[in-house]
Amino acid sequence: MRVLIISASPREDGNSHVLADAAIDGAREAGHDVRHVFLSEHVDRLLDNCRQCRRPEDRMCSLDDNYEKLLLEQIIPADGLIFAMPLYFYGMPGRLKTVFDRLFCYTANSSPLQERVVEGVMHKKVAVLISCEESYVGATSGVIAQFQELTRYLNQELCGVVVGNGNSRGEIVHDPNDPVQAARRIGARLFDTRVTDYRLDTVRSNRVWDAALASGRVGIDPS
């Protein structure tokens, strides 16, 4: 499977990059085709008034950075996306938010690429790696909720979120909760993670794991 890991921080020695590296290792160990990009090399421009900014000769986006190349050549071909980000003022970094904001330009009815982008951006496995100075769980709850809604709207599956604590560059490796190993696992198991979103009328088995039936472990109390 093709996995794209997107680093929202330009710091190659930062804590979120440590998590990204771990996810890269895990995904490669699982045999996946892994690509890694830094958003700072692709996204410079914010969303503008897209009803006026398309080039008249071809109706393509006139914002002169590499966002379109990132979207069409990296994001859409990927089967799974892993976003690595530091927490900025209790939310995602501006460049990462711009990745989602500018999807409007390509999913709007006026876009000549609408069908390709809408179909291509859906049905992906997604994970998020967050480095954060604060251990207070509420610090990251807002951005986690945002990713929940984004992936739901985009018809993607949010397979997991890893939060690691650190401030000085690289010190996240000392977090006793071991977010580095968790990031490695999420990279390795991205496509094996079962994502459920039940409703009251959802038809479902009373078994969560089919493997329990196959192995004869039915009836074992997990507690």
Protein backbone atom coordinates (compact mmCIF):
# COMPACT_ATOMS: atom_id res chain seq x y z
CA MET A 1 0.00 0.00 0.00
CA ARG A 2 1.11 3.58 -0.57
CA VAL A 3 1.57 5.70 2.54
CA LEU A 4 2.20 9.44 2.46
CA ILE A 5 3.57 11.00 5.63
CA ILE A 6 3.12 14.77 5.75
CA SER A 7 5.21 16.83 8.16
CA ALA A 8 3.55 20.13 9.04
CA SER A 9 6.67 21.48 10.77
CA PRO A 10 9.71 22.50 8.69
CA ARG A 11 12.05 21.48 11.54
CA GLU A 12 13.82 18.26 10.64
CA ASP A 13 15.06 17.91 14.22
CA GLY A 14 11.74 18.74 15.88
CA ASN A 15 9.61 16.47 18.03
CA SER A 16 6.88 15.90 15.45
CA HIS A 17 9.57 14.83 12.99
CA VAL A 18 10.75 12.21 15.50
CA LEU A 19 7.22 10.80 15.43
CA ALA A 20 7.13 11.00 11.63
CA ASP A 21 10.40 9.08 11.38
CA ALA A 22 9.03 6.37 13.65
CA ALA A 23 5.88 6.05 11.54
CA ILE A 24 8.03 5.85 8.40
CA ASP A 25 10.03 3.00 9.92
CA GLY A 26 6.90 1.15 10.97
CA ALA A 27 5.22 1.50 7.58
CA ARG A 28 8.36 0.35 5.74
CA GLU A 29 8.77 -2.61 8.07
CA ALA A 30 5.20 -3.58 7.16
CA GLY A 31 6.19 -3.57 3.49
CA HIS A 32 4.41 -0.41 2.39
CA ASP A 33 5.62 2.08 -0.21
CA VAL A 34 6.33 5.16 1.91
CA ARG A 35 6.75 8.77 0.83
CA HIS A 36 7.52 11.67 3.16
CA VAL A 37 7.04 15.38 2.43
CA PHE A 38 7.48 18.63 4.33
CA LEU A 39 4.61 21.05 3.77
CA SER A 40 7.04 23.99 3.84
CA GLU A 41 8.30 22.80 0.44
CA HIS A 42 4.82 22.76 -1.11
CA VAL A 43 2.41 25.21 0.52
CA ASP A 44 3.07 28.97 0.64
CA ARG A 45 -0.23 30.57 -0.30
CA LEU A 46 -3.45 30.83 1.66
CA LEU A 47 -6.89 30.23 0.25
CA ASP A 48 -7.98 33.28 -1.76
CA ASN A 49 -11.23 34.29 -3.46
CA CYS A 50 -11.41 31.24 -5.69
CA ARG A 51 -14.31 32.57 -7.69
CA GLN A 52 -11.93 35.12 -9.20
CA CYS A 53 -8.43 33.66 -9.00
CA ARG A 54 -8.53 30.91 -11.63
CA ARG A 55 -6.41 31.59 -14.67
CA PRO A 56 -8.80 32.54 -17.49
CA GLU A 57 -6.94 30.51 -20.13
CA ASP A 58 -7.29 27.12 -18.42
CA ARG A 59 -9.42 27.74 -15.28
CA MET A 60 -6.62 26.25 -13.15
CA CYS A 61 -5.54 27.61 -9.78
CA SER A 62 -3.38 30.73 -10.04
CA LEU A 63 -1.78 30.42 -6.59
CA ASP A 64 1.88 29.99 -7.47
CA ASP A 65 3.17 27.31 -5.11
CA ASN A 66 3.38 23.52 -5.25
CA TYR A 67 0.06 22.72 -3.57
CA GLU A 68 -1.55 21.39 -6.73
CA LYS A 69 1.41 19.09 -7.40
CA LEU A 70 1.27 17.84 -3.81
CA LEU A 71 -2.45 17.16 -4.08
CA LEU A 72 -2.47 15.47 -7.49
CA GLU A 73 0.85 13.61 -7.39
CA GLN A 74 1.19 12.71 -3.72
CA ILE A 75 -2.05 12.92 -1.73
CA ILE A 76 -4.50 11.46 -4.24
CA PRO A 77 -2.36 8.41 -5.22
CA ALA A 78 -1.79 7.48 -1.56
CA ASP A 79 -3.85 4.78 0.14
CA GLY A 80 -3.00 6.13 3.59
CA LEU A 81 -2.09 9.54 5.01
CA ILE A 82 -0.21 10.22 8.23
CA PHE A 83 -0.07 13.84 9.39
CA ALA A 84 2.77 14.74 11.77
CA MET A 85 2.31 18.10 13.46
CA PRO A 86 3.30 20.19 16.44
CA LEU A 87 0.43 21.76 18.35
CA TYR A 88 0.26 25.48 17.48
CA PHE A 89 -1.95 27.55 19.80
CA TYR A 90 -4.16 24.53 20.51
CA GLY A 91 -4.73 23.79 16.84
CA MET A 92 -3.05 22.57 13.69
CA PRO A 93 -0.27 24.63 12.04
CA GLY A 94 -1.46 27.13 9.43
CA ARG A 95 0.15 25.31 6.51
CA LEU A 96 -1.69 22.13 7.38
CA LYS A 97 -5.01 23.93 7.74
CA THR A 98 -4.35 25.45 4.31
CA VAL A 99 -4.09 21.94 2.83
CA PHE A 100 -7.72 21.38 3.80
CA ASP A 101 -8.89 24.94 3.06
CA ARG A 102 -7.61 24.80 -0.50
CA LEU A 103 -9.42 21.58 -1.24
CA PHE A 104 -12.37 23.89 -1.83
CA CYS A 105 -10.69 25.10 -5.03
CA TYR A 106 -10.59 21.55 -6.40
CA THR A 107 -13.90 20.16 -5.14
CA ALA A 108 -16.06 23.12 -6.20
CA ASN A 109 -18.32 22.72 -9.21
CA SER A 110 -16.24 25.30 -11.08
CA SER A 111 -13.09 23.19 -10.91
CA PRO A 112 -12.13 21.19 -14.02
CA LEU A 113 -10.51 18.69 -11.65
CA GLN A 114 -13.53 18.24 -9.38
CA GLU A 115 -14.38 14.64 -10.28
CA ARG A 116 -10.77 13.48 -10.09
CA VAL A 117 -10.10 15.15 -6.75
CA VAL A 118 -13.38 14.24 -5.05
CA GLU A 119 -13.00 10.59 -5.98
CA GLY A 120 -9.28 10.54 -5.27
CA VAL A 121 -9.31 12.11 -1.83
CA MET A 122 -11.91 9.76 -0.34
CA HIS A 123 -11.57 6.26 1.18
CA LYS A 124 -8.12 6.73 2.70
CA LYS A 125 -6.79 5.52 6.02
CA VAL A 126 -5.60 8.47 8.11
CA ALA A 127 -3.54 8.84 11.28
CA VAL A 128 -2.33 11.91 13.15
CA LEU A 129 0.87 12.36 15.17
CA ILE A 130 0.95 15.36 17.50
CA SER A 131 3.84 16.73 19.53
CA CYS A 132 2.73 18.95 22.38
CA GLU A 133 4.41 20.60 25.34
CA GLU A 134 1.40 20.15 27.63
CA SER A 135 0.28 16.82 29.05
CA TYR A 136 -3.21 18.18 29.81
CA VAL A 137 -5.50 16.08 27.60
CA GLY A 138 -7.68 19.07 26.77
CA ALA A 139 -4.78 20.76 24.98
CA THR A 140 -5.14 18.52 21.95
CA SER A 141 -8.86 17.75 22.16
CA GLY A 142 -9.83 20.56 19.80
CA VAL A 143 -7.51 19.56 16.97
CA ILE A 144 -8.38 15.88 17.41
CA ALA A 145 -12.07 16.75 17.09
CA GLN A 146 -11.27 18.74 13.96
CA PHE A 147 -9.55 15.75 12.37
CA GLN A 148 -12.52 13.60 13.30
CA GLU A 149 -14.85 15.92 11.42
CA LEU A 150 -12.50 16.43 8.48
CA THR A 151 -12.01 12.73 7.89
CA ARG A 152 -15.69 12.06 8.31
CA TYR A 153 -16.60 14.74 5.77
CA LEU A 154 -13.96 13.48 3.33
CA ASN A 155 -15.22 9.90 3.71
CA GLN A 156 -11.91 8.74 5.18
CA GLU A 157 -11.14 6.57 8.20
CA LEU A 158 -9.31 8.10 11.15
CA CYS A 159 -7.33 5.10 12.40
CA GLY A 160 -5.63 6.68 15.36
CA VAL A 161 -4.00 9.66 17.01
CA VAL A 162 -0.66 9.65 18.83
CA VAL A 163 0.14 12.50 21.22
CA GLY A 164 3.64 12.89 22.61
CA ASN A 165 4.93 15.47 25.06
CA GLY A 166 8.10 17.45 24.50
CA ASN A 167 9.35 21.00 24.08
CA SER A 168 13.09 21.02 23.46
CA ARG A 169 13.91 19.53 20.10
CA GLY A 170 13.96 15.77 20.14
CA GLU A 171 13.08 15.34 23.81
CA ILE A 172 9.87 13.54 22.95
CA VAL A 173 11.91 10.33 23.08
CA HIS A 174 11.91 10.71 26.87
CA ASP A 175 8.12 10.76 27.19
CA PRO A 176 7.40 7.77 29.46
CA ASN A 177 4.23 6.98 27.48
CA ASP A 178 6.54 6.13 24.55
CA PRO A 179 4.75 7.98 21.74
CA VAL A 180 7.65 7.12 19.43
CA GLN A 181 6.84 3.42 19.62
CA ALA A 182 3.15 4.22 19.27
CA ALA A 183 3.90 6.15 16.06
CA ARG A 184 5.90 3.19 14.77
CA ARG A 185 2.96 0.88 15.47
CA ILE A 186 0.45 3.16 13.81
CA GLY A 187 2.63 3.27 10.69
CA ALA A 188 2.89 -0.51 10.64
CA ARG A 189 -0.79 -1.20 11.35
CA LEU A 190 -2.47 1.64 9.46
CA PHE A 191 -4.29 -0.69 7.09
CA ASP A 192 -5.06 -3.32 9.73
CA THR A 193 -6.84 -0.94 12.09
CA ARG A 194 -10.58 -1.51 12.33
CA VAL A 195 -12.57 1.72 12.38
CA THR A 196 -16.21 1.68 13.49
CA ASP A 197 -18.77 4.46 13.69
CA TYR A 198 -21.99 2.92 14.94
CA ARG A 199 -25.48 4.36 14.85
CA LEU A 200 -28.47 3.16 16.85
CA ASP A 201 -29.76 1.19 13.86
CA THR A 202 -26.40 -0.18 12.70
CA VAL A 203 -26.57 -3.91 11.94
CA ARG A 204 -23.61 -5.49 13.70
CA SER A 205 -22.38 -8.68 15.27
CA ASN A 206 -21.91 -9.00 19.01
CA ARG A 207 -18.28 -9.93 18.27
CA VAL A 208 -15.69 -7.22 17.70
CA TRP A 209 -12.91 -9.48 16.40
CA ASP A 210 -13.63 -12.32 13.96
CA ALA A 211 -10.24 -13.79 14.87
CA ALA A 212 -11.60 -14.65 18.32
CA LEU A 213 -14.08 -17.02 16.72
CA ALA A 214 -11.44 -18.58 14.47
CA SER A 215 -9.00 -19.16 17.32
CA GLY A 216 -11.57 -20.64 19.69
CA ARG A 217 -11.07 -17.88 22.26
CA VAL A 218 -14.77 -17.10 22.50
CA GLY A 219 -15.95 -16.57 26.04
CA ILE A 220 -12.64 -15.42 27.50
CA ASP A 221 -13.10 -12.41 29.76
CA PRO A 222 -10.55 -9.80 28.58
CA SER A 223 -10.47 -8.23 32.05
